[in-house]
Amino acid sequence: ATHIADTAHWIYTILEADEYDFGGAPYK
């Protein structure tokens, strides 16, 4: 449920940067 509430962040994340690195800060 929390993951679903979080997924909309991808829209602004995609628009605010040209790349996303899953190797960055550890996901919590």
mmCIF file of all heavy atoms, coordinates in Angstrom:
data_MODEL
# 
_entry.id   MODEL 
# 
loop_
_atom_site.group_PDB 
_atom_site.id 
_atom_site.type_symbol 
_atom_site.label_atom_id 
_atom_site.label_alt_id 
_atom_site.label_comp_id 
_atom_site.label_asym_id 
_atom_site.label_entity_id 
_atom_site.label_seq_id 
_atom_site.pdbx_PDB_ins_code 
_atom_site.Cartn_x 
_atom_site.Cartn_y 
_atom_site.Cartn_z 
_atom_site.occupancy 
_atom_site.B_iso_or_equiv 
_atom_site.pdbx_formal_charge 
_atom_site.auth_seq_id 
_atom_site.auth_comp_id 
_atom_site.auth_asym_id 
_atom_site.auth_atom_id 
_atom_site.pdbx_PDB_model_num 
ATOM 1   N N   . ALA A 1 1  ? 0.830  -1.209 0.000   1.00 0.00 ? 1  ALA A N   1 
ATOM 2   C CA  . ALA A 1 1  ? 0.000  0.000  0.000   1.00 0.00 ? 1  ALA A CA  1 
ATOM 3   C C   . ALA A 1 1  ? 0.866  1.262  0.000   1.00 0.00 ? 1  ALA A C   1 
ATOM 4   O O   . ALA A 1 1  ? 0.602  2.214  -0.740  1.00 0.00 ? 1  ALA A O   1 
ATOM 5   C CB  . ALA A 1 1  ? -0.936 -0.013 1.202   1.00 0.00 ? 1  ALA A CB  1 
ATOM 6   N N   . THR A 1 2  ? 1.927  1.257  0.804   1.00 0.00 ? 2  THR A N   1 
ATOM 7   C CA  . THR A 1 2  ? 2.816  2.419  0.862   1.00 0.00 ? 2  THR A CA  1 
ATOM 8   C C   . THR A 1 2  ? 3.568  2.575  -0.459  1.00 0.00 ? 2  THR A C   1 
ATOM 9   O O   . THR A 1 2  ? 3.749  3.694  -0.953  1.00 0.00 ? 2  THR A O   1 
ATOM 10  C CB  . THR A 1 2  ? 3.789  2.300  2.045   1.00 0.00 ? 2  THR A CB  1 
ATOM 11  O OG1 . THR A 1 2  ? 3.037  2.058  3.239   1.00 0.00 ? 2  THR A OG1 1 
ATOM 12  C CG2 . THR A 1 2  ? 4.617  3.570  2.210   1.00 0.00 ? 2  THR A CG2 1 
ATOM 13  N N   . HIS A 1 3  ? 3.964  1.466  -1.058  1.00 0.00 ? 3  HIS A N   1 
ATOM 14  C CA  . HIS A 1 3  ? 4.636  1.505  -2.360  1.00 0.00 ? 3  HIS A CA  1 
ATOM 15  C C   . HIS A 1 3  ? 3.707  2.132  -3.406  1.00 0.00 ? 3  HIS A C   1 
ATOM 16  O O   . HIS A 1 3  ? 4.139  2.973  -4.204  1.00 0.00 ? 3  HIS A O   1 
ATOM 17  C CB  . HIS A 1 3  ? 5.048  0.086  -2.768  1.00 0.00 ? 3  HIS A CB  1 
ATOM 18  C CG  . HIS A 1 3  ? 5.760  0.016  -4.073  1.00 0.00 ? 3  HIS A CG  1 
ATOM 19  N ND1 . HIS A 1 3  ? 6.978  0.605  -4.296  1.00 0.00 ? 3  HIS A ND1 1 
ATOM 20  C CD2 . HIS A 1 3  ? 5.409  -0.582 -5.241  1.00 0.00 ? 3  HIS A CD2 1 
ATOM 21  C CE1 . HIS A 1 3  ? 7.357  0.371  -5.536  1.00 0.00 ? 3  HIS A CE1 1 
ATOM 22  N NE2 . HIS A 1 3  ? 6.423  -0.344 -6.136  1.00 0.00 ? 3  HIS A NE2 1 
ATOM 23  N N   . ILE A 1 4  ? 2.445  1.767  -3.387  1.00 0.00 ? 4  ILE A N   1 
ATOM 24  C CA  . ILE A 1 4  ? 1.477  2.337  -4.326  1.00 0.00 ? 4  ILE A CA  1 
ATOM 25  C C   . ILE A 1 4  ? 1.361  3.847  -4.109  1.00 0.00 ? 4  ILE A C   1 
ATOM 26  O O   . ILE A 1 4  ? 1.354  4.625  -5.075  1.00 0.00 ? 4  ILE A O   1 
ATOM 27  C CB  . ILE A 1 4  ? 0.099  1.642  -4.185  1.00 0.00 ? 4  ILE A CB  1 
ATOM 28  C CG1 . ILE A 1 4  ? 0.198  0.193  -4.685  1.00 0.00 ? 4  ILE A CG1 1 
ATOM 29  C CG2 . ILE A 1 4  ? -0.989 2.407  -4.938  1.00 0.00 ? 4  ILE A CG2 1 
ATOM 30  C CD1 . ILE A 1 4  ? -0.998 -0.676 -4.313  1.00 0.00 ? 4  ILE A CD1 1 
ATOM 31  N N   . ALA A 1 5  ? 1.284  4.273  -2.875  1.00 0.00 ? 5  ALA A N   1 
ATOM 32  C CA  . ALA A 1 5  ? 1.205  5.712  -2.582  1.00 0.00 ? 5  ALA A CA  1 
ATOM 33  C C   . ALA A 1 5  ? 2.457  6.446  -3.048  1.00 0.00 ? 5  ALA A C   1 
ATOM 34  O O   . ALA A 1 5  ? 2.391  7.620  -3.432  1.00 0.00 ? 5  ALA A O   1 
ATOM 35  C CB  . ALA A 1 5  ? 0.986  5.923  -1.079  1.00 0.00 ? 5  ALA A CB  1 
ATOM 36  N N   . ASP A 1 6  ? 3.580  5.749  -3.054  1.00 0.00 ? 6  ASP A N   1 
ATOM 37  C CA  . ASP A 1 6  ? 4.852  6.342  -3.479  1.00 0.00 ? 6  ASP A CA  1 
ATOM 38  C C   . ASP A 1 6  ? 5.053  6.395  -4.990  1.00 0.00 ? 6  ASP A C   1 
ATOM 39  O O   . ASP A 1 6  ? 5.843  7.202  -5.471  1.00 0.00 ? 6  ASP A O   1 
ATOM 40  C CB  . ASP A 1 6  ? 6.028  5.536  -2.896  1.00 0.00 ? 6  ASP A CB  1 
ATOM 41  C CG  . ASP A 1 6  ? 6.442  5.989  -1.516  1.00 0.00 ? 6  ASP A CG  1 
ATOM 42  O OD1 . ASP A 1 6  ? 6.216  7.164  -1.179  1.00 0.00 ? 6  ASP A OD1 1 
ATOM 43  O OD2 . ASP A 1 6  ? 7.008  5.156  -0.779  1.00 0.00 ? 6  ASP A OD2 1 
ATOM 44  N N   . THR A 1 7  ? 4.389  5.534  -5.757  1.00 0.00 ? 7  THR A N   1 
ATOM 45  C CA  . THR A 1 7  ? 4.729  5.409  -7.181  1.00 0.00 ? 7  THR A CA  1 
ATOM 46  C C   . THR A 1 7  ? 4.520  6.682  -7.990  1.00 0.00 ? 7  THR A C   1 
ATOM 47  O O   . THR A 1 7  ? 5.198  6.879  -8.994  1.00 0.00 ? 7  THR A O   1 
ATOM 48  C CB  . THR A 1 7  ? 3.988  4.236  -7.861  1.00 0.00 ? 7  THR A CB  1 
ATOM 49  O OG1 . THR A 1 7  ? 2.592  4.390  -7.684  1.00 0.00 ? 7  THR A OG1 1 
ATOM 50  C CG2 . THR A 1 7  ? 4.471  2.898  -7.355  1.00 0.00 ? 7  THR A CG2 1 
ATOM 51  N N   . ALA A 1 8  ? 3.627  7.561  -7.569  1.00 0.00 ? 8  ALA A N   1 
ATOM 52  C CA  . ALA A 1 8  ? 3.435  8.814  -8.311  1.00 0.00 ? 8  ALA A CA  1 
ATOM 53  C C   . ALA A 1 8  ? 4.691  9.679  -8.297  1.00 0.00 ? 8  ALA A C   1 
ATOM 54  O O   . ALA A 1 8  ? 4.831  10.576 -9.129  1.00 0.00 ? 8  ALA A O   1 
ATOM 55  C CB  . ALA A 1 8  ? 2.243  9.593  -7.762  1.00 0.00 ? 8  ALA A CB  1 
ATOM 56  N N   . HIS A 1 9  ? 5.619  9.415  -7.394  1.00 0.00 ? 9  HIS A N   1 
ATOM 57  C CA  . HIS A 1 9  ? 6.853  10.206 -7.373  1.00 0.00 ? 9  HIS A CA  1 
ATOM 58  C C   . HIS A 1 9  ? 7.649  10.032 -8.656  1.00 0.00 ? 9  HIS A C   1 
ATOM 59  O O   . HIS A 1 9  ? 8.435  10.895 -9.026  1.00 0.00 ? 9  HIS A O   1 
ATOM 60  C CB  . HIS A 1 9  ? 7.729  9.856  -6.152  1.00 0.00 ? 9  HIS A CB  1 
ATOM 61  C CG  . HIS A 1 9  ? 8.724  8.780  -6.401  1.00 0.00 ? 9  HIS A CG  1 
ATOM 62  N ND1 . HIS A 1 9  ? 8.413  7.448  -6.327  1.00 0.00 ? 9  HIS A ND1 1 
ATOM 63  C CD2 . HIS A 1 9  ? 10.026 8.852  -6.772  1.00 0.00 ? 9  HIS A CD2 1 
ATOM 64  C CE1 . HIS A 1 9  ? 9.495  6.733  -6.616  1.00 0.00 ? 9  HIS A CE1 1 
ATOM 65  N NE2 . HIS A 1 9  ? 10.484 7.553  -6.892  1.00 0.00 ? 9  HIS A NE2 1 
ATOM 66  N N   . TRP A 1 10 ? 7.427  8.925  -9.355  1.00 0.00 ? 10 TRP A N   1 
ATOM 67  C CA  . TRP A 1 10 ? 8.190  8.715  -10.584 1.00 0.00 ? 10 TRP A CA  1 
ATOM 68  C C   . TRP A 1 10 ? 7.925  9.800  -11.612 1.00 0.00 ? 10 TRP A C   1 
ATOM 69  O O   . TRP A 1 10 ? 8.807  10.164 -12.384 1.00 0.00 ? 10 TRP A O   1 
ATOM 70  C CB  . TRP A 1 10 ? 7.923  7.327  -11.168 1.00 0.00 ? 10 TRP A CB  1 
ATOM 71  C CG  . TRP A 1 10 ? 8.628  6.252  -10.419 1.00 0.00 ? 10 TRP A CG  1 
ATOM 72  C CD1 . TRP A 1 10 ? 8.059  5.263  -9.665  1.00 0.00 ? 10 TRP A CD1 1 
ATOM 73  C CD2 . TRP A 1 10 ? 10.044 6.067  -10.311 1.00 0.00 ? 10 TRP A CD2 1 
ATOM 74  N NE1 . TRP A 1 10 ? 9.039  4.489  -9.088  1.00 0.00 ? 10 TRP A NE1 1 
ATOM 75  C CE2 . TRP A 1 10 ? 10.265 4.954  -9.478  1.00 0.00 ? 10 TRP A CE2 1 
ATOM 76  C CE3 . TRP A 1 10 ? 11.140 6.743  -10.824 1.00 0.00 ? 10 TRP A CE3 1 
ATOM 77  C CZ2 . TRP A 1 10 ? 11.548 4.503  -9.162  1.00 0.00 ? 10 TRP A CZ2 1 
ATOM 78  C CZ3 . TRP A 1 10 ? 12.418 6.283  -10.510 1.00 0.00 ? 10 TRP A CZ3 1 
ATOM 79  C CH2 . TRP A 1 10 ? 12.610 5.172  -9.685  1.00 0.00 ? 10 TRP A CH2 1 
ATOM 80  N N   . ILE A 1 11 ? 6.723  10.341 -11.624 1.00 0.00 ? 11 ILE A N   1 
ATOM 81  C CA  . ILE A 1 11 ? 6.400  11.364 -12.627 1.00 0.00 ? 11 ILE A CA  1 
ATOM 82  C C   . ILE A 1 11 ? 7.282  12.593 -12.433 1.00 0.00 ? 11 ILE A C   1 
ATOM 83  O O   . ILE A 1 11 ? 7.936  13.054 -13.372 1.00 0.00 ? 11 ILE A O   1 
ATOM 84  C CB  . ILE A 1 11 ? 4.899  11.704 -12.599 1.00 0.00 ? 11 ILE A CB  1 
ATOM 85  C CG1 . ILE A 1 11 ? 4.091  10.463 -13.017 1.00 0.00 ? 11 ILE A CG1 1 
ATOM 86  C CG2 . ILE A 1 11 ? 4.591  12.900 -13.501 1.00 0.00 ? 11 ILE A CG2 1 
ATOM 87  C CD1 . ILE A 1 11 ? 2.596  10.570 -12.813 1.00 0.00 ? 11 ILE A CD1 1 
ATOM 88  N N   . TYR A 1 12 ? 7.340  13.128 -11.223 1.00 0.00 ? 12 TYR A N   1 
ATOM 89  C CA  . TYR A 1 12 ? 8.191  14.307 -11.035 1.00 0.00 ? 12 TYR A CA  1 
ATOM 90  C C   . TYR A 1 12 ? 9.667  13.946 -11.076 1.00 0.00 ? 12 TYR A C   1 
ATOM 91  O O   . TYR A 1 12 ? 10.501 14.743 -11.522 1.00 0.00 ? 12 TYR A O   1 
ATOM 92  C CB  . TYR A 1 12 ? 7.808  15.122 -9.793  1.00 0.00 ? 12 TYR A CB  1 
ATOM 93  C CG  . TYR A 1 12 ? 8.056  14.501 -8.448  1.00 0.00 ? 12 TYR A CG  1 
ATOM 94  C CD1 . TYR A 1 12 ? 9.329  14.456 -7.884  1.00 0.00 ? 12 TYR A CD1 1 
ATOM 95  C CD2 . TYR A 1 12 ? 7.003  13.996 -7.694  1.00 0.00 ? 12 TYR A CD2 1 
ATOM 96  C CE1 . TYR A 1 12 ? 9.539  13.912 -6.624  1.00 0.00 ? 12 TYR A CE1 1 
ATOM 97  C CE2 . TYR A 1 12 ? 7.205  13.461 -6.440  1.00 0.00 ? 12 TYR A CE2 1 
ATOM 98  C CZ  . TYR A 1 12 ? 8.473  13.420 -5.918  1.00 0.00 ? 12 TYR A CZ  1 
ATOM 99  O OH  . TYR A 1 12 ? 8.687  12.877 -4.671  1.00 0.00 ? 12 TYR A OH  1 
ATOM 100 N N   . THR A 1 13 ? 10.014 12.743 -10.639 1.00 0.00 ? 13 THR A N   1 
ATOM 101 C CA  . THR A 1 13 ? 11.415 12.312 -10.699 1.00 0.00 ? 13 THR A CA  1 
ATOM 102 C C   . THR A 1 13 ? 11.892 12.265 -12.148 1.00 0.00 ? 13 THR A C   1 
ATOM 103 O O   . THR A 1 13 ? 13.003 12.712 -12.459 1.00 0.00 ? 13 THR A O   1 
ATOM 104 C CB  . THR A 1 13 ? 11.573 10.929 -10.031 1.00 0.00 ? 13 THR A CB  1 
ATOM 105 O OG1 . THR A 1 13 ? 11.203 11.047 -8.651  1.00 0.00 ? 13 THR A OG1 1 
ATOM 106 C CG2 . THR A 1 13 ? 13.000 10.417 -10.123 1.00 0.00 ? 13 THR A CG2 1 
ATOM 107 N N   . ILE A 1 14 ? 11.063 11.740 -13.030 1.00 0.00 ? 14 ILE A N   1 
ATOM 108 C CA  . ILE A 1 14 ? 11.397 11.657 -14.460 1.00 0.00 ? 14 ILE A CA  1 
ATOM 109 C C   . ILE A 1 14 ? 11.539 13.060 -15.057 1.00 0.00 ? 14 ILE A C   1 
ATOM 110 O O   . ILE A 1 14 ? 12.448 13.323 -15.841 1.00 0.00 ? 14 ILE A O   1 
ATOM 111 C CB  . ILE A 1 14 ? 10.323 10.833 -15.201 1.00 0.00 ? 14 ILE A CB  1 
ATOM 112 C CG1 . ILE A 1 14 ? 10.420 9.365  -14.799 1.00 0.00 ? 14 ILE A CG1 1 
ATOM 113 C CG2 . ILE A 1 14 ? 10.431 11.013 -16.715 1.00 0.00 ? 14 ILE A CG2 1 
ATOM 114 C CD1 . ILE A 1 14 ? 9.190  8.531  -15.129 1.00 0.00 ? 14 ILE A CD1 1 
ATOM 115 N N   . LEU A 1 15 ? 10.641 13.969 -14.682 1.00 0.00 ? 15 LEU A N   1 
ATOM 116 C CA  . LEU A 1 15 ? 10.676 15.319 -15.252 1.00 0.00 ? 15 LEU A CA  1 
ATOM 117 C C   . LEU A 1 15 ? 11.796 16.178 -14.689 1.00 0.00 ? 15 LEU A C   1 
ATOM 118 O O   . LEU A 1 15 ? 12.286 17.090 -15.363 1.00 0.00 ? 15 LEU A O   1 
ATOM 119 C CB  . LEU A 1 15 ? 9.325  16.009 -15.039 1.00 0.00 ? 15 LEU A CB  1 
ATOM 120 C CG  . LEU A 1 15 ? 8.185  15.436 -15.877 1.00 0.00 ? 15 LEU A CG  1 
ATOM 121 C CD1 . LEU A 1 15 ? 6.848  15.982 -15.417 1.00 0.00 ? 15 LEU A CD1 1 
ATOM 122 C CD2 . LEU A 1 15 ? 8.418  15.700 -17.363 1.00 0.00 ? 15 LEU A CD2 1 
ATOM 123 N N   . GLU A 1 16 ? 12.228 15.913 -13.485 1.00 0.00 ? 16 GLU A N   1 
ATOM 124 C CA  . GLU A 1 16 ? 13.232 16.758 -12.840 1.00 0.00 ? 16 GLU A CA  1 
ATOM 125 C C   . GLU A 1 16 ? 14.675 16.366 -13.151 1.00 0.00 ? 16 GLU A C   1 
ATOM 126 O O   . GLU A 1 16 ? 15.592 17.132 -12.865 1.00 0.00 ? 16 GLU A O   1 
ATOM 127 C CB  . GLU A 1 16 ? 13.007 16.771 -11.322 1.00 0.00 ? 16 GLU A CB  1 
ATOM 128 C CG  . GLU A 1 16 ? 11.740 17.509 -10.933 1.00 0.00 ? 16 GLU A CG  1 
ATOM 129 C CD  . GLU A 1 16 ? 11.411 17.443 -9.447  1.00 0.00 ? 16 GLU A CD  1 
ATOM 130 O OE1 . GLU A 1 16 ? 12.146 16.768 -8.686  1.00 0.00 ? 16 GLU A OE1 1 
ATOM 131 O OE2 . GLU A 1 16 ? 10.404 18.057 -9.046  1.00 0.00 ? 16 GLU A OE2 1 
ATOM 132 N N   . ALA A 1 17 ? 14.894 15.184 -13.727 1.00 0.00 ? 17 ALA A N   1 
ATOM 133 C CA  . ALA A 1 17 ? 16.262 14.758 -14.046 1.00 0.00 ? 17 ALA A CA  1 
ATOM 134 C C   . ALA A 1 17 ? 16.238 13.871 -15.289 1.00 0.00 ? 17 ALA A C   1 
ATOM 135 O O   . ALA A 1 17 ? 15.231 13.243 -15.593 1.00 0.00 ? 17 ALA A O   1 
ATOM 136 C CB  . ALA A 1 17 ? 16.867 14.000 -12.869 1.00 0.00 ? 17 ALA A CB  1 
ATOM 137 N N   . ASP A 1 18 ? 17.371 13.825 -15.976 1.00 0.00 ? 18 ASP A N   1 
ATOM 138 C CA  . ASP A 1 18 ? 17.458 13.021 -17.192 1.00 0.00 ? 18 ASP A CA  1 
ATOM 139 C C   . ASP A 1 18 ? 17.900 11.593 -16.934 1.00 0.00 ? 18 ASP A C   1 
ATOM 140 O O   . ASP A 1 18 ? 17.920 10.770 -17.844 1.00 0.00 ? 18 ASP A O   1 
ATOM 141 C CB  . ASP A 1 18 ? 18.414 13.687 -18.188 1.00 0.00 ? 18 ASP A CB  1 
ATOM 142 C CG  . ASP A 1 18 ? 17.877 15.013 -18.689 1.00 0.00 ? 18 ASP A CG  1 
ATOM 143 O OD1 . ASP A 1 18 ? 16.649 15.221 -18.634 1.00 0.00 ? 18 ASP A OD1 1 
ATOM 144 O OD2 . ASP A 1 18 ? 18.695 15.849 -19.125 1.00 0.00 ? 18 ASP A OD2 1 
ATOM 145 N N   . GLU A 1 19 ? 18.266 11.307 -15.691 1.00 0.00 ? 19 GLU A N   1 
ATOM 146 C CA  . GLU A 1 19 ? 18.639 9.931  -15.366 1.00 0.00 ? 19 GLU A CA  1 
ATOM 147 C C   . GLU A 1 19 ? 18.339 9.633  -13.905 1.00 0.00 ? 19 GLU A C   1 
ATOM 148 O O   . GLU A 1 19 ? 18.198 10.534 -13.078 1.00 0.00 ? 19 GLU A O   1 
ATOM 149 C CB  . GLU A 1 19 ? 20.101 9.639  -15.677 1.00 0.00 ? 19 GLU A CB  1 
ATOM 150 C CG  . GLU A 1 19 ? 21.106 10.400 -14.866 1.00 0.00 ? 19 GLU A CG  1 
ATOM 151 C CD  . GLU A 1 19 ? 22.537 10.048 -15.257 1.00 0.00 ? 19 GLU A CD  1 
ATOM 152 O OE1 . GLU A 1 19 ? 22.833 9.896  -16.451 1.00 0.00 ? 19 GLU A OE1 1 
ATOM 153 O OE2 . GLU A 1 19 ? 23.357 9.933  -14.329 1.00 0.00 ? 19 GLU A OE2 1 
ATOM 154 N N   . TYR A 1 20 ? 18.239 8.348  -13.616 1.00 0.00 ? 20 TYR A N   1 
ATOM 155 C CA  . TYR A 1 20 ? 18.016 7.882  -12.253 1.00 0.00 ? 20 TYR A CA  1 
ATOM 156 C C   . TYR A 1 20 ? 18.986 6.738  -12.006 1.00 0.00 ? 20 TYR A C   1 
ATOM 157 O O   . TYR A 1 20 ? 19.073 5.813  -12.812 1.00 0.00 ? 20 TYR A O   1 
ATOM 158 C CB  . TYR A 1 20 ? 16.574 7.410  -12.054 1.00 0.00 ? 20 TYR A CB  1 
ATOM 159 C CG  . TYR A 1 20 ? 16.273 7.065  -10.614 1.00 0.00 ? 20 TYR A CG  1 
ATOM 160 C CD1 . TYR A 1 20 ? 15.914 8.054  -9.710  1.00 0.00 ? 20 TYR A CD1 1 
ATOM 161 C CD2 . TYR A 1 20 ? 16.388 5.762  -10.157 1.00 0.00 ? 20 TYR A CD2 1 
ATOM 162 C CE1 . TYR A 1 20 ? 15.674 7.755  -8.379  1.00 0.00 ? 20 TYR A CE1 1 
ATOM 163 C CE2 . TYR A 1 20 ? 16.145 5.455  -8.829  1.00 0.00 ? 20 TYR A CE2 1 
ATOM 164 C CZ  . TYR A 1 20 ? 15.786 6.452  -7.946  1.00 0.00 ? 20 TYR A CZ  1 
ATOM 165 O OH  . TYR A 1 20 ? 15.543 6.157  -6.629  1.00 0.00 ? 20 TYR A OH  1 
ATOM 166 N N   . ASP A 1 21 ? 19.695 6.799  -10.893 1.00 0.00 ? 21 ASP A N   1 
ATOM 167 C CA  . ASP A 1 21 ? 20.698 5.783  -10.572 1.00 0.00 ? 21 ASP A CA  1 
ATOM 168 C C   . ASP A 1 21 ? 20.258 4.966  -9.364  1.00 0.00 ? 21 ASP A C   1 
ATOM 169 O O   . ASP A 1 21 ? 20.217 5.472  -8.245  1.00 0.00 ? 21 ASP A O   1 
ATOM 170 C CB  . ASP A 1 21 ? 22.043 6.447  -10.300 1.00 0.00 ? 21 ASP A CB  1 
ATOM 171 C CG  . ASP A 1 21 ? 23.168 5.449  -10.127 1.00 0.00 ? 21 ASP A CG  1 
ATOM 172 O OD1 . ASP A 1 21 ? 22.926 4.216  -10.193 1.00 0.00 ? 21 ASP A OD1 1 
ATOM 173 O OD2 . ASP A 1 21 ? 24.313 5.898  -9.930  1.00 0.00 ? 21 ASP A OD2 1 
ATOM 174 N N   . PHE A 1 22 ? 19.910 3.699  -9.612  1.00 0.00 ? 22 PHE A N   1 
ATOM 175 C CA  . PHE A 1 22 ? 19.546 2.798  -8.519  1.00 0.00 ? 22 PHE A CA  1 
ATOM 176 C C   . PHE A 1 22 ? 20.762 2.409  -7.689  1.00 0.00 ? 22 PHE A C   1 
ATOM 177 O O   . PHE A 1 22 ? 20.623 1.818  -6.624  1.00 0.00 ? 22 PHE A O   1 
ATOM 178 C CB  . PHE A 1 22 ? 18.870 1.524  -9.057  1.00 0.00 ? 22 PHE A CB  1 
ATOM 179 C CG  . PHE A 1 22 ? 17.401 1.688  -9.321  1.00 0.00 ? 22 PHE A CG  1 
ATOM 180 C CD1 . PHE A 1 22 ? 16.922 1.747  -10.618 1.00 0.00 ? 22 PHE A CD1 1 
ATOM 181 C CD2 . PHE A 1 22 ? 16.496 1.796  -8.278  1.00 0.00 ? 22 PHE A CD2 1 
ATOM 182 C CE1 . PHE A 1 22 ? 15.565 1.892  -10.869 1.00 0.00 ? 22 PHE A CE1 1 
ATOM 183 C CE2 . PHE A 1 22 ? 15.142 1.943  -8.512  1.00 0.00 ? 22 PHE A CE2 1 
ATOM 184 C CZ  . PHE A 1 22 ? 14.673 1.997  -9.812  1.00 0.00 ? 22 PHE A CZ  1 
ATOM 185 N N   . GLY A 1 23 ? 21.948 2.745  -8.164  1.00 0.00 ? 23 GLY A N   1 
ATOM 186 C CA  . GLY A 1 23 ? 23.167 2.441  -7.418  1.00 0.00 ? 23 GLY A CA  1 
ATOM 187 C C   . GLY A 1 23 ? 23.527 3.523  -6.421  1.00 0.00 ? 23 GLY A C   1 
ATOM 188 O O   . GLY A 1 23 ? 24.534 3.424  -5.736  1.00 0.00 ? 23 GLY A O   1 
ATOM 189 N N   . GLY A 1 24 ? 22.699 4.545  -6.312  1.00 0.00 ? 24 GLY A N   1 
ATOM 190 C CA  . GLY A 1 24 ? 22.955 5.656  -5.388  1.00 0.00 ? 24 GLY A CA  1 
ATOM 191 C C   . GLY A 1 24 ? 22.685 5.257  -3.950  1.00 0.00 ? 24 GLY A C   1 
ATOM 192 O O   . GLY A 1 24 ? 22.994 4.147  -3.519  1.00 0.00 ? 24 GLY A O   1 
ATOM 193 N N   . ALA A 1 25 ? 22.055 6.137  -3.230  1.00 0.00 ? 25 ALA A N   1 
ATOM 194 C CA  . ALA A 1 25 ? 21.756 5.889  -1.813  1.00 0.00 ? 25 ALA A CA  1 
ATOM 195 C C   . ALA A 1 25 ? 20.922 4.624  -1.657  1.00 0.00 ? 25 ALA A C   1 
ATOM 196 O O   . ALA A 1 25 ? 20.042 4.348  -2.470  1.00 0.00 ? 25 ALA A O   1 
ATOM 197 C CB  . ALA A 1 25 ? 21.003 7.086  -1.233  1.00 0.00 ? 25 ALA A CB  1 
ATOM 198 N N   . PRO A 1 26 ? 21.188 3.832  -0.609  1.00 0.00 ? 26 PRO A N   1 
ATOM 199 C CA  . PRO A 1 26 ? 20.435 2.597  -0.418  1.00 0.00 ? 26 PRO A CA  1 
ATOM 200 C C   . PRO A 1 26 ? 18.948 2.876  -0.200  1.00 0.00 ? 26 PRO A C   1 
ATOM 201 O O   . PRO A 1 26 ? 18.581 3.835  0.467   1.00 0.00 ? 26 PRO A O   1 
ATOM 202 C CB  . PRO A 1 26 ? 21.059 1.959  0.814   1.00 0.00 ? 26 PRO A CB  1 
ATOM 203 C CG  . PRO A 1 26 ? 21.852 3.029  1.473   1.00 0.00 ? 26 PRO A CG  1 
ATOM 204 C CD  . PRO A 1 26 ? 22.160 4.068  0.442   1.00 0.00 ? 26 PRO A CD  1 
ATOM 205 N N   . TYR A 1 27 ? 18.132 2.057  -0.824  1.00 0.00 ? 27 TYR A N   1 
ATOM 206 C CA  . TYR A 1 27 ? 16.683 2.190  -0.736  1.00 0.00 ? 27 TYR A CA  1 
ATOM 207 C C   . TYR A 1 27 ? 16.198 1.638  0.595   1.00 0.00 ? 27 TYR A C   1 
ATOM 208 O O   . TYR A 1 27 ? 16.574 0.540  0.994   1.00 0.00 ? 27 TYR A O   1 
ATOM 209 C CB  . TYR A 1 27 ? 16.039 1.433  -1.896  1.00 0.00 ? 27 TYR A CB  1 
ATOM 210 C CG  . TYR A 1 27 ? 14.531 1.439  -1.871  1.00 0.00 ? 27 TYR A CG  1 
ATOM 211 C CD1 . TYR A 1 27 ? 13.827 2.627  -2.048  1.00 0.00 ? 27 TYR A CD1 1 
ATOM 212 C CD2 . TYR A 1 27 ? 13.822 0.269  -1.661  1.00 0.00 ? 27 TYR A CD2 1 
ATOM 213 C CE1 . TYR A 1 27 ? 12.453 2.636  -2.020  1.00 0.00 ? 27 TYR A CE1 1 
ATOM 214 C CE2 . TYR A 1 27 ? 12.435 0.267  -1.643  1.00 0.00 ? 27 TYR A CE2 1 
ATOM 215 C CZ  . TYR A 1 27 ? 11.760 1.456  -1.822  1.00 0.00 ? 27 TYR A CZ  1 
ATOM 216 O OH  . TYR A 1 27 ? 10.401 1.474  -1.805  1.00 0.00 ? 27 TYR A OH  1 
ATOM 217 N N   . LYS A 1 28 ? 15.378 2.408  1.283   1.00 0.00 ? 28 LYS A N   1 
ATOM 218 C CA  . LYS A 1 28 ? 14.823 1.982  2.565   1.00 0.00 ? 28 LYS A CA  1 
ATOM 219 C C   . LYS A 1 28 ? 13.305 1.987  2.449   1.00 0.00 ? 28 LYS A C   1 
ATOM 220 O O   . LYS A 1 28 ? 12.682 3.051  2.555   1.00 0.00 ? 28 LYS A O   1 
ATOM 221 C CB  . LYS A 1 28 ? 15.285 2.910  3.688   1.00 0.00 ? 28 LYS A CB  1 
ATOM 222 C CG  . LYS A 1 28 ? 16.780 2.826  3.927   1.00 0.00 ? 28 LYS A CG  1 
ATOM 223 C CD  . LYS A 1 28 ? 17.225 3.766  5.019   1.00 0.00 ? 28 LYS A CD  1 
ATOM 224 C CE  . LYS A 1 28 ? 18.738 3.653  5.129   1.00 0.00 ? 28 LYS A CE  1 
ATOM 225 N NZ  . LYS A 1 28 ? 19.322 4.701  5.923   1.00 0.00 ? 28 LYS A NZ  1 
# 
